[in-house]
């Protein structure tokens, strides 16, 4: 969106991107919620312990590896999604990006969040809501750039990317372990 001039146009394109990200995240949350239902016969304590162990393992893996070596698509979302216009393309790109598995995943935070929805045994509307919130949160960086982007902003981000990604994983894991323990 940096190549589009004018804040009002950028905000409209971001809105399409936000809606797409939210729809994509809601889809992923719904799928995880359905699979979570299949795990409902497993006792809640077992699922909680499994979540804590896997979240800790993913966090340690993320902190120790220079590049995340978890299953993910290694290609970026193709430019062809914008073939029918910027607004429609922003929405489609958002859907794919909001799903959380269609493009590069820079940290384990997405995997930790997906594990939480899968193992927490939440009602399907909660899984959908958490997925939608995850998707919507993926659009925040674009909004920050539109509203706060200044010369040097991208340079700052690129020099702090690894720290920001890894701290996001740690915060996500801690918050979800806390939320999971509160549910027991």
N, C-alpha and C. Protein backbone atom coordinates (compact mmCIF):
# COMPACT_ATOMS: atom_id res chain seq x y z
N UNK A 1 0.81 -1.19 0.00
CA UNK A 1 0.00 0.00 0.00
C UNK A 1 0.85 1.25 0.00
N UNK A 2 2.16 1.04 0.20
CA UNK A 2 3.06 2.18 0.21
C UNK A 2 3.12 2.84 -1.16
N UNK A 3 2.85 2.08 -2.25
CA UNK A 3 2.94 2.65 -3.58
C UNK A 3 1.67 3.43 -3.95
N UNK A 4 0.63 3.34 -3.16
CA UNK A 4 -0.61 4.07 -3.41
C UNK A 4 -0.54 5.40 -2.68
N UNK A 5 -0.79 6.49 -3.41
CA UNK A 5 -0.67 7.82 -2.81
C UNK A 5 -2.01 8.25 -2.23
N UNK A 6 -1.92 8.99 -1.15
CA UNK A 6 -3.11 9.54 -0.53
C UNK A 6 -3.60 8.67 0.62
N UNK A 7 -3.61 9.28 1.79
CA UNK A 7 -3.97 8.51 2.99
C UNK A 7 -5.39 7.95 2.91
N UNK A 8 -6.35 8.70 2.36
CA UNK A 8 -7.73 8.21 2.32
C UNK A 8 -7.85 6.97 1.43
N UNK A 9 -7.13 6.96 0.32
CA UNK A 9 -7.14 5.77 -0.55
C UNK A 9 -6.46 4.61 0.16
N UNK A 10 -5.34 4.89 0.82
CA UNK A 10 -4.64 3.84 1.56
C UNK A 10 -5.54 3.25 2.64
N UNK A 11 -6.29 4.10 3.34
CA UNK A 11 -7.18 3.60 4.40
C UNK A 11 -8.31 2.75 3.84
N UNK A 12 -8.84 3.13 2.67
CA UNK A 12 -9.89 2.30 2.05
C UNK A 12 -9.33 0.95 1.63
N UNK A 13 -8.13 0.94 1.08
CA UNK A 13 -7.50 -0.33 0.71
C UNK A 13 -7.19 -1.16 1.94
N UNK A 14 -6.74 -0.48 3.00
CA UNK A 14 -6.49 -1.21 4.25
C UNK A 14 -7.79 -1.82 4.78
N UNK A 15 -8.91 -1.10 4.67
CA UNK A 15 -10.19 -1.64 5.14
C UNK A 15 -10.54 -2.92 4.39
N UNK A 16 -10.31 -2.96 3.08
CA UNK A 16 -10.55 -4.19 2.31
C UNK A 16 -9.61 -5.29 2.79
N UNK A 17 -8.37 -4.93 3.04
CA UNK A 17 -7.38 -5.89 3.54
C UNK A 17 -7.79 -6.41 4.92
N UNK A 18 -8.25 -5.50 5.80
CA UNK A 18 -8.71 -5.88 7.14
C UNK A 18 -9.87 -6.87 7.07
N UNK A 19 -10.86 -6.58 6.23
CA UNK A 19 -12.01 -7.48 6.10
C UNK A 19 -11.54 -8.84 5.58
N UNK A 20 -10.65 -8.83 4.59
CA UNK A 20 -10.13 -10.09 4.07
C UNK A 20 -9.37 -10.88 5.12
N UNK A 21 -8.51 -10.19 5.87
CA UNK A 21 -7.75 -10.87 6.94
C UNK A 21 -8.69 -11.46 7.98
N UNK A 22 -9.73 -10.72 8.33
CA UNK A 22 -10.68 -11.18 9.34
C UNK A 22 -11.44 -12.41 8.83
N UNK A 23 -11.88 -12.38 7.57
CA UNK A 23 -12.57 -13.53 6.98
C UNK A 23 -11.64 -14.74 6.94
N UNK A 24 -10.40 -14.54 6.51
CA UNK A 24 -9.43 -15.64 6.46
C UNK A 24 -9.16 -16.23 7.83
N UNK A 25 -8.98 -15.37 8.82
CA UNK A 25 -8.75 -15.84 10.18
C UNK A 25 -9.96 -16.57 10.73
N UNK A 26 -11.16 -16.06 10.44
CA UNK A 26 -12.39 -16.73 10.91
C UNK A 26 -12.51 -18.12 10.29
N UNK A 27 -12.13 -18.25 9.03
CA UNK A 27 -12.15 -19.56 8.38
C UNK A 27 -11.21 -20.53 9.10
N UNK A 28 -9.98 -20.09 9.34
CA UNK A 28 -9.02 -20.95 10.03
C UNK A 28 -9.51 -21.29 11.43
N UNK A 29 -10.04 -20.31 12.15
CA UNK A 29 -10.57 -20.57 13.49
C UNK A 29 -11.69 -21.59 13.47
N UNK A 30 -12.56 -21.50 12.47
CA UNK A 30 -13.67 -22.45 12.35
C UNK A 30 -13.15 -23.86 12.09
N UNK A 31 -12.20 -23.98 11.17
CA UNK A 31 -11.63 -25.31 10.87
C UNK A 31 -10.97 -25.88 12.12
N UNK A 32 -10.18 -25.07 12.82
CA UNK A 32 -9.54 -25.55 14.05
C UNK A 32 -10.57 -25.90 15.12
N UNK A 33 -11.65 -25.12 15.18
CA UNK A 33 -12.71 -25.41 16.14
C UNK A 33 -13.39 -26.74 15.87
N UNK A 34 -13.60 -27.05 14.59
CA UNK A 34 -14.20 -28.35 14.23
C UNK A 34 -13.27 -29.48 14.62
N UNK A 35 -11.98 -29.35 14.28
CA UNK A 35 -11.02 -30.40 14.67
C UNK A 35 -10.89 -30.49 16.19
N UNK A 36 -11.03 -29.37 16.87
CA UNK A 36 -11.00 -29.37 18.33
C UNK A 36 -12.12 -30.23 18.90
N UNK A 37 -13.27 -30.18 18.26
CA UNK A 37 -14.39 -31.01 18.70
C UNK A 37 -14.07 -32.49 18.62
N UNK A 38 -13.25 -32.87 17.64
CA UNK A 38 -12.85 -34.28 17.53
C UNK A 38 -11.94 -34.69 18.69
N UNK A 39 -11.28 -33.72 19.31
CA UNK A 39 -10.40 -34.02 20.44
C UNK A 39 -11.13 -33.93 21.78
N UNK A 40 -12.42 -33.62 21.75
CA UNK A 40 -13.15 -33.43 23.01
C UNK A 40 -13.18 -34.67 23.92
N UNK A 41 -13.09 -35.90 23.40
CA UNK A 41 -13.04 -37.05 24.33
C UNK A 41 -11.76 -37.09 25.18
N UNK A 42 -10.71 -36.41 24.71
CA UNK A 42 -9.46 -36.37 25.48
C UNK A 42 -9.69 -35.46 26.69
N UNK A 43 -9.33 -35.90 27.89
CA UNK A 43 -9.56 -35.07 29.09
C UNK A 43 -8.91 -33.69 28.97
N UNK A 44 -9.58 -32.68 29.52
CA UNK A 44 -9.11 -31.30 29.44
C UNK A 44 -7.72 -31.13 30.03
N UNK A 45 -7.42 -31.83 31.10
CA UNK A 45 -6.10 -31.71 31.74
C UNK A 45 -5.02 -32.23 30.79
N UNK A 46 -5.29 -33.31 30.10
CA UNK A 46 -4.31 -33.87 29.15
C UNK A 46 -4.09 -32.88 28.01
N UNK A 47 -5.17 -32.30 27.48
CA UNK A 47 -5.03 -31.31 26.41
C UNK A 47 -4.27 -30.08 26.89
N UNK A 48 -4.51 -29.65 28.13
CA UNK A 48 -3.83 -28.48 28.68
C UNK A 48 -2.33 -28.74 28.84
N UNK A 49 -1.98 -29.91 29.36
CA UNK A 49 -0.56 -30.26 29.52
C UNK A 49 0.10 -30.35 28.14
N UNK A 50 -0.59 -30.97 27.19
CA UNK A 50 -0.05 -31.07 25.84
C UNK A 50 0.17 -29.69 25.24
N UNK A 51 -0.77 -28.77 25.46
CA UNK A 51 -0.60 -27.42 24.96
C UNK A 51 0.62 -26.74 25.57
N UNK A 52 0.77 -26.83 26.88
CA UNK A 52 1.90 -26.19 27.56
C UNK A 52 3.22 -26.74 27.04
N UNK A 53 3.31 -28.06 26.89
CA UNK A 53 4.54 -28.68 26.40
C UNK A 53 4.84 -28.24 24.97
N UNK A 54 3.83 -28.29 24.10
CA UNK A 54 4.04 -27.90 22.70
C UNK A 54 4.32 -26.40 22.56
N UNK A 55 3.63 -25.57 23.34
CA UNK A 55 3.87 -24.12 23.28
C UNK A 55 5.29 -23.80 23.74
N UNK A 56 5.74 -24.47 24.80
CA UNK A 56 7.12 -24.26 25.28
C UNK A 56 8.12 -24.72 24.23
N UNK A 57 7.87 -25.88 23.63
CA UNK A 57 8.79 -26.41 22.61
C UNK A 57 8.86 -25.47 21.41
N UNK A 58 7.71 -24.98 20.95
CA UNK A 58 7.70 -24.06 19.81
C UNK A 58 8.41 -22.75 20.15
N UNK A 59 8.21 -22.26 21.36
CA UNK A 59 8.86 -21.01 21.77
C UNK A 59 10.37 -21.18 21.81
N UNK A 60 10.84 -22.27 22.40
CA UNK A 60 12.29 -22.53 22.45
C UNK A 60 12.84 -22.69 21.05
N UNK A 61 12.13 -23.44 20.21
CA UNK A 61 12.56 -23.63 18.83
C UNK A 61 12.67 -22.29 18.11
N UNK A 62 11.69 -21.44 18.31
CA UNK A 62 11.68 -20.13 17.67
C UNK A 62 12.83 -19.25 18.17
N UNK A 63 13.11 -19.31 19.46
CA UNK A 63 14.19 -18.49 20.02
C UNK A 63 15.57 -18.97 19.61
N UNK A 64 15.71 -20.25 19.35
CA UNK A 64 17.03 -20.81 19.06
C UNK A 64 17.39 -20.82 17.58
N UNK A 65 16.41 -20.83 16.70
CA UNK A 65 16.69 -20.92 15.27
C UNK A 65 16.75 -19.53 14.63
N UNK A 66 17.73 -19.30 13.77
CA UNK A 66 17.77 -18.01 13.07
C UNK A 66 16.59 -17.85 12.11
N UNK A 67 16.17 -18.94 11.49
CA UNK A 67 14.99 -18.94 10.62
C UNK A 67 14.07 -20.05 11.09
N UNK A 68 12.79 -19.77 11.13
CA UNK A 68 11.82 -20.74 11.61
C UNK A 68 11.73 -21.91 10.64
N UNK A 69 11.94 -23.11 11.13
CA UNK A 69 11.92 -24.32 10.31
C UNK A 69 10.68 -25.16 10.62
N UNK A 70 9.52 -24.57 10.52
CA UNK A 70 8.26 -25.28 10.72
C UNK A 70 7.55 -25.38 9.38
N UNK A 71 6.61 -26.32 9.26
CA UNK A 71 5.90 -26.44 7.97
C UNK A 71 5.21 -25.13 7.60
N UNK A 72 5.50 -24.67 6.42
CA UNK A 72 4.87 -23.45 5.92
C UNK A 72 5.11 -23.34 4.43
N UNK A 73 4.31 -22.54 3.79
CA UNK A 73 4.48 -22.27 2.37
C UNK A 73 5.66 -21.30 2.24
N UNK A 74 6.59 -21.61 1.38
CA UNK A 74 7.81 -20.81 1.27
C UNK A 74 7.70 -19.67 0.26
N UNK A 75 6.58 -19.59 -0.45
CA UNK A 75 6.41 -18.53 -1.44
C UNK A 75 5.53 -17.42 -0.88
N UNK A 76 5.72 -16.25 -1.43
CA UNK A 76 4.85 -15.13 -1.10
C UNK A 76 3.54 -15.26 -1.87
N UNK A 77 2.52 -14.57 -1.42
CA UNK A 77 1.25 -14.57 -2.15
C UNK A 77 1.50 -13.87 -3.49
N UNK A 78 1.08 -14.48 -4.61
CA UNK A 78 1.42 -13.92 -5.92
C UNK A 78 0.74 -12.59 -6.20
N UNK A 79 1.37 -11.79 -7.03
CA UNK A 79 0.85 -10.47 -7.41
C UNK A 79 -0.45 -10.57 -8.21
N UNK A 80 -0.74 -11.74 -8.78
CA UNK A 80 -1.94 -11.91 -9.59
C UNK A 80 -3.22 -11.65 -8.80
N UNK A 81 -3.15 -11.70 -7.47
CA UNK A 81 -4.36 -11.44 -6.68
C UNK A 81 -4.86 -10.02 -6.88
N UNK A 82 -4.01 -9.14 -7.39
CA UNK A 82 -4.40 -7.75 -7.62
C UNK A 82 -4.84 -7.49 -9.06
N UNK A 83 -5.00 -8.54 -9.86
CA UNK A 83 -5.32 -8.39 -11.28
C UNK A 83 -6.67 -7.72 -11.52
N UNK A 84 -7.62 -7.86 -10.62
CA UNK A 84 -8.96 -7.29 -10.81
C UNK A 84 -9.16 -6.00 -10.03
N UNK A 85 -8.09 -5.34 -9.67
CA UNK A 85 -8.21 -4.06 -8.97
C UNK A 85 -7.61 -4.12 -7.58
N UNK A 86 -7.23 -2.95 -7.10
CA UNK A 86 -6.55 -2.87 -5.81
C UNK A 86 -7.47 -3.25 -4.64
N UNK A 87 -8.71 -2.79 -4.65
CA UNK A 87 -9.63 -3.09 -3.55
C UNK A 87 -9.92 -4.58 -3.44
N UNK A 88 -10.30 -5.17 -4.57
CA UNK A 88 -10.59 -6.61 -4.60
C UNK A 88 -9.32 -7.41 -4.30
N UNK A 89 -8.20 -6.93 -4.83
CA UNK A 89 -6.93 -7.61 -4.57
C UNK A 89 -6.52 -7.51 -3.11
N UNK A 90 -6.75 -6.34 -2.50
CA UNK A 90 -6.46 -6.19 -1.07
C UNK A 90 -7.28 -7.14 -0.23
N UNK A 91 -8.57 -7.30 -0.60
CA UNK A 91 -9.43 -8.24 0.12
C UNK A 91 -8.93 -9.67 -0.05
N UNK A 92 -8.66 -10.06 -1.30
CA UNK A 92 -8.21 -11.43 -1.56
C UNK A 92 -6.87 -11.72 -0.88
N UNK A 93 -5.95 -10.76 -0.98
CA UNK A 93 -4.67 -10.91 -0.30
C UNK A 93 -4.90 -11.06 1.20
N UNK A 94 -5.82 -10.26 1.75
CA UNK A 94 -6.14 -10.34 3.16
C UNK A 94 -6.69 -11.69 3.56
N UNK A 95 -7.56 -12.27 2.74
CA UNK A 95 -8.10 -13.60 3.05
C UNK A 95 -6.97 -14.61 3.14
N UNK A 96 -6.09 -14.58 2.16
CA UNK A 96 -4.99 -15.54 2.14
C UNK A 96 -4.02 -15.30 3.29
N UNK A 97 -3.74 -14.05 3.58
CA UNK A 97 -2.82 -13.70 4.65
C UNK A 97 -3.44 -13.96 6.02
N UNK A 98 -4.72 -13.66 6.15
CA UNK A 98 -5.42 -13.85 7.42
C UNK A 98 -5.58 -15.31 7.81
N UNK A 99 -5.60 -16.20 6.81
CA UNK A 99 -5.69 -17.64 7.12
C UNK A 99 -4.51 -18.09 7.96
N UNK A 100 -3.37 -17.46 7.77
CA UNK A 100 -2.20 -17.78 8.58
C UNK A 100 -1.34 -18.90 8.05
N UNK A 101 -1.70 -19.51 6.93
CA UNK A 101 -0.88 -20.60 6.42
C UNK A 101 -0.60 -20.47 4.93
N UNK A 102 -1.03 -19.41 4.30
CA UNK A 102 -0.89 -19.26 2.85
C UNK A 102 0.41 -18.57 2.45
N UNK A 103 1.11 -17.98 3.39
CA UNK A 103 2.34 -17.27 3.07
C UNK A 103 3.38 -17.56 4.14
N UNK A 104 4.51 -16.92 4.04
CA UNK A 104 5.58 -17.13 5.02
C UNK A 104 5.10 -16.81 6.43
N UNK A 105 5.49 -17.64 7.38
CA UNK A 105 5.15 -17.43 8.79
C UNK A 105 6.46 -17.15 9.51
N UNK A 106 6.69 -15.89 9.95
CA UNK A 106 7.99 -15.51 10.49
C UNK A 106 8.29 -15.96 11.91
N UNK A 107 7.27 -16.34 12.67
CA UNK A 107 7.51 -16.76 14.05
C UNK A 107 6.55 -17.89 14.42
N UNK A 108 6.79 -18.49 15.56
CA UNK A 108 5.95 -19.60 16.01
C UNK A 108 4.65 -19.13 16.66
N UNK A 109 4.45 -17.84 16.80
CA UNK A 109 3.24 -17.33 17.47
C UNK A 109 1.97 -17.85 16.81
N UNK A 110 1.94 -17.91 15.48
CA UNK A 110 0.75 -18.41 14.78
C UNK A 110 0.49 -19.87 15.12
N UNK A 111 1.55 -20.65 15.21
CA UNK A 111 1.40 -22.07 15.54
C UNK A 111 0.91 -22.24 16.98
N UNK A 112 1.43 -21.42 17.89
CA UNK A 112 1.01 -21.48 19.29
C UNK A 112 -0.47 -21.12 19.40
N UNK A 113 -0.89 -20.08 18.69
CA UNK A 113 -2.30 -19.67 18.72
C UNK A 113 -3.20 -20.77 18.14
N UNK A 114 -2.76 -21.38 17.04
CA UNK A 114 -3.55 -22.46 16.43
C UNK A 114 -3.65 -23.65 17.37
N UNK A 115 -2.56 -23.99 18.03
CA UNK A 115 -2.59 -25.09 19.01
C UNK A 115 -3.57 -24.80 20.14
N UNK A 116 -3.60 -23.55 20.58
CA UNK A 116 -4.52 -23.19 21.65
C UNK A 116 -5.97 -23.44 21.23
N UNK A 117 -6.34 -22.95 20.05
CA UNK A 117 -7.71 -23.14 19.57
C UNK A 117 -8.01 -24.63 19.40
N UNK A 118 -7.03 -25.37 18.91
CA UNK A 118 -7.21 -26.80 18.68
C UNK A 118 -7.37 -27.58 19.98
N UNK A 119 -6.58 -27.24 20.99
CA UNK A 119 -6.54 -28.05 22.21
C UNK A 119 -7.39 -27.52 23.36
N UNK A 120 -7.86 -26.29 23.28
CA UNK A 120 -8.60 -25.70 24.40
C UNK A 120 -10.02 -26.24 24.54
N UNK A 121 -10.55 -26.83 23.49
CA UNK A 121 -11.91 -27.35 23.57
C UNK A 121 -12.95 -26.26 23.67
N UNK A 122 -12.72 -25.17 22.98
CA UNK A 122 -13.64 -24.02 23.03
C UNK A 122 -14.90 -24.30 22.22
N UNK A 123 -16.01 -23.65 22.57
CA UNK A 123 -17.19 -23.72 21.70
C UNK A 123 -16.85 -23.14 20.33
N UNK A 124 -17.50 -23.64 19.29
CA UNK A 124 -17.19 -23.21 17.92
C UNK A 124 -17.26 -21.70 17.73
N UNK A 125 -18.25 -20.98 18.29
CA UNK A 125 -18.25 -19.52 18.12
C UNK A 125 -17.00 -18.84 18.70
N UNK A 126 -16.47 -19.38 19.79
CA UNK A 126 -15.24 -18.82 20.37
C UNK A 126 -14.06 -19.08 19.44
N UNK A 127 -13.99 -20.27 18.87
CA UNK A 127 -12.90 -20.59 17.94
C UNK A 127 -12.97 -19.66 16.73
N UNK A 128 -14.18 -19.45 16.21
CA UNK A 128 -14.36 -18.54 15.09
C UNK A 128 -13.93 -17.13 15.48
N UNK A 129 -14.33 -16.66 16.66
CA UNK A 129 -13.97 -15.31 17.12
C UNK A 129 -12.47 -15.15 17.31
N UNK A 130 -11.82 -16.16 17.88
CA UNK A 130 -10.35 -16.08 18.05
C UNK A 130 -9.66 -16.08 16.70
N UNK A 131 -10.15 -16.88 15.76
CA UNK A 131 -9.58 -16.88 14.41
C UNK A 131 -9.75 -15.53 13.74
N UNK A 132 -10.94 -14.94 13.87
CA UNK A 132 -11.19 -13.62 13.29
C UNK A 132 -10.28 -12.56 13.91
N UNK A 133 -10.10 -12.63 15.23
CA UNK A 133 -9.21 -11.68 15.91
C UNK A 133 -7.77 -11.86 15.44
N UNK A 134 -7.35 -13.12 15.27
CA UNK A 134 -6.01 -13.39 14.75
C UNK A 134 -5.85 -12.77 13.36
N UNK A 135 -6.83 -13.02 12.49
CA UNK A 135 -6.76 -12.48 11.14
C UNK A 135 -6.72 -10.96 11.14
N UNK A 136 -7.61 -10.35 11.92
CA UNK A 136 -7.65 -8.88 11.98
C UNK A 136 -6.33 -8.32 12.50
N UNK A 137 -5.73 -9.00 13.46
CA UNK A 137 -4.47 -8.50 14.03
C UNK A 137 -3.35 -8.52 13.00
N UNK A 138 -3.46 -9.38 12.01
CA UNK A 138 -2.42 -9.43 10.98
C UNK A 138 -2.44 -8.18 10.09
N UNK A 139 -3.53 -7.43 10.12
CA UNK A 139 -3.61 -6.22 9.29
C UNK A 139 -3.10 -4.98 10.00
N UNK A 140 -2.81 -5.08 11.28
CA UNK A 140 -2.45 -3.90 12.08
C UNK A 140 -1.16 -3.25 11.61
N UNK A 141 -0.18 -4.04 11.19
CA UNK A 141 1.10 -3.47 10.75
C UNK A 141 0.90 -2.54 9.56
N UNK A 142 0.01 -2.90 8.65
CA UNK A 142 -0.26 -2.04 7.49
C UNK A 142 -0.90 -0.73 7.95
N UNK A 143 -1.84 -0.81 8.87
CA UNK A 143 -2.46 0.41 9.40
C UNK A 143 -1.43 1.28 10.11
N UNK A 144 -0.55 0.65 10.88
CA UNK A 144 0.51 1.42 11.55
C UNK A 144 1.37 2.15 10.53
N UNK A 145 1.69 1.48 9.44
CA UNK A 145 2.52 2.13 8.42
C UNK A 145 1.77 3.31 7.79
N UNK A 146 0.48 3.12 7.51
CA UNK A 146 -0.30 4.21 6.90
C UNK A 146 -0.37 5.41 7.83
N UNK A 147 -0.64 5.16 9.10
CA UNK A 147 -0.85 6.26 10.05
C UNK A 147 0.44 6.83 10.62
N UNK A 148 1.43 5.97 10.84
CA UNK A 148 2.63 6.40 11.55
C UNK A 148 3.91 6.32 10.73
N UNK A 149 3.82 5.79 9.53
CA UNK A 149 5.02 5.58 8.73
C UNK A 149 5.76 6.88 8.47
N UNK A 150 7.00 6.87 8.80
CA UNK A 150 7.87 8.03 8.60
C UNK A 150 9.13 7.53 7.89
N UNK A 151 9.90 8.44 7.33
CA UNK A 151 11.17 8.01 6.78
C UNK A 151 11.99 7.28 7.85
N UNK A 152 12.52 6.16 7.49
CA UNK A 152 13.31 5.37 8.43
C UNK A 152 12.51 4.30 9.16
N UNK A 153 11.18 4.31 9.00
CA UNK A 153 10.33 3.33 9.70
C UNK A 153 10.65 1.91 9.25
N UNK A 154 10.76 1.72 7.95
CA UNK A 154 11.06 0.37 7.44
C UNK A 154 12.47 -0.06 7.84
N UNK A 155 13.40 0.88 7.87
CA UNK A 155 14.76 0.54 8.29
C UNK A 155 14.76 0.10 9.75
N UNK A 156 14.01 0.81 10.60
CA UNK A 156 13.90 0.42 12.00
C UNK A 156 13.31 -0.98 12.12
N UNK A 157 12.21 -1.23 11.40
CA UNK A 157 11.58 -2.55 11.47
C UNK A 157 12.52 -3.65 11.01
N UNK A 158 13.21 -3.42 9.90
CA UNK A 158 14.08 -4.47 9.38
C UNK A 158 15.25 -4.74 10.32
N UNK A 159 15.69 -3.75 11.07
CA UNK A 159 16.80 -3.98 12.00
C UNK A 159 16.34 -4.61 13.31
N UNK A 160 15.03 -4.61 13.57
CA UNK A 160 14.50 -5.19 14.81
C UNK A 160 13.54 -6.35 14.55
N UNK A 161 13.44 -6.81 13.32
CA UNK A 161 12.46 -7.83 12.96
C UNK A 161 12.58 -9.09 13.80
N UNK A 162 13.78 -9.63 13.88
CA UNK A 162 13.94 -10.89 14.62
C UNK A 162 13.51 -10.73 16.08
N UNK A 163 13.92 -9.65 16.71
CA UNK A 163 13.54 -9.43 18.11
C UNK A 163 12.02 -9.30 18.25
N UNK A 164 11.39 -8.54 17.34
CA UNK A 164 9.94 -8.35 17.41
C UNK A 164 9.19 -9.66 17.19
N UNK A 165 9.62 -10.45 16.22
CA UNK A 165 8.97 -11.74 15.95
C UNK A 165 9.09 -12.67 17.14
N UNK A 166 10.28 -12.79 17.68
CA UNK A 166 10.51 -13.73 18.79
C UNK A 166 9.81 -13.27 20.06
N UNK A 167 9.82 -11.98 20.33
CA UNK A 167 9.11 -11.50 21.53
C UNK A 167 7.60 -11.71 21.36
N UNK A 168 7.11 -11.62 20.14
CA UNK A 168 5.70 -11.92 19.88
C UNK A 168 5.35 -13.36 20.21
N UNK A 169 6.26 -14.27 19.89
CA UNK A 169 6.03 -15.68 20.22
C UNK A 169 6.00 -15.88 21.73
N UNK A 170 6.94 -15.27 22.44
CA UNK A 170 7.00 -15.42 23.90
C UNK A 170 5.73 -14.86 24.55
N UNK A 171 5.33 -13.66 24.14
CA UNK A 171 4.13 -13.04 24.71
C UNK A 171 2.89 -13.88 24.39
N UNK A 172 2.77 -14.33 23.15
CA UNK A 172 1.62 -15.17 22.77
C UNK A 172 1.56 -16.43 23.60
N UNK A 173 2.69 -17.12 23.73
CA UNK A 173 2.71 -18.37 24.50
C UNK A 173 2.34 -18.12 25.96
N UNK A 174 2.91 -17.08 26.56
CA UNK A 174 2.61 -16.79 27.97
C UNK A 174 1.13 -16.44 28.18
N UNK A 175 0.59 -15.61 27.31
CA UNK A 175 -0.82 -15.22 27.45
C UNK A 175 -1.75 -16.41 27.26
N UNK A 176 -1.45 -17.26 26.29
CA UNK A 176 -2.33 -18.40 26.04
C UNK A 176 -2.19 -19.48 27.10
N UNK A 177 -1.00 -19.66 27.65
CA UNK A 177 -0.85 -20.60 28.78
C UNK A 177 -1.65 -20.07 29.97
N UNK A 178 -1.57 -18.76 30.21
CA UNK A 178 -2.35 -18.17 31.30
C UNK A 178 -3.85 -18.35 31.05
N UNK A 179 -4.30 -18.08 29.82
CA UNK A 179 -5.72 -18.23 29.49
C UNK A 179 -6.16 -19.68 29.64
N UNK A 180 -5.31 -20.60 29.18
CA UNK A 180 -5.64 -22.01 29.31
C UNK A 180 -5.74 -22.46 30.76
N UNK A 181 -4.84 -21.97 31.59
CA UNK A 181 -4.88 -22.35 33.01
C UNK A 181 -6.10 -21.76 33.70
N UNK A 182 -6.53 -20.59 33.26
CA UNK A 182 -7.73 -19.98 33.84
C UNK A 182 -8.99 -20.76 33.46
N UNK A 183 -8.94 -21.50 32.34
CA UNK A 183 -10.09 -22.27 31.90
C UNK A 183 -10.24 -23.58 32.65
N UNK A 184 -9.18 -24.04 33.29
CA UNK A 184 -9.24 -25.34 33.99
C UNK A 184 -10.01 -25.25 35.29
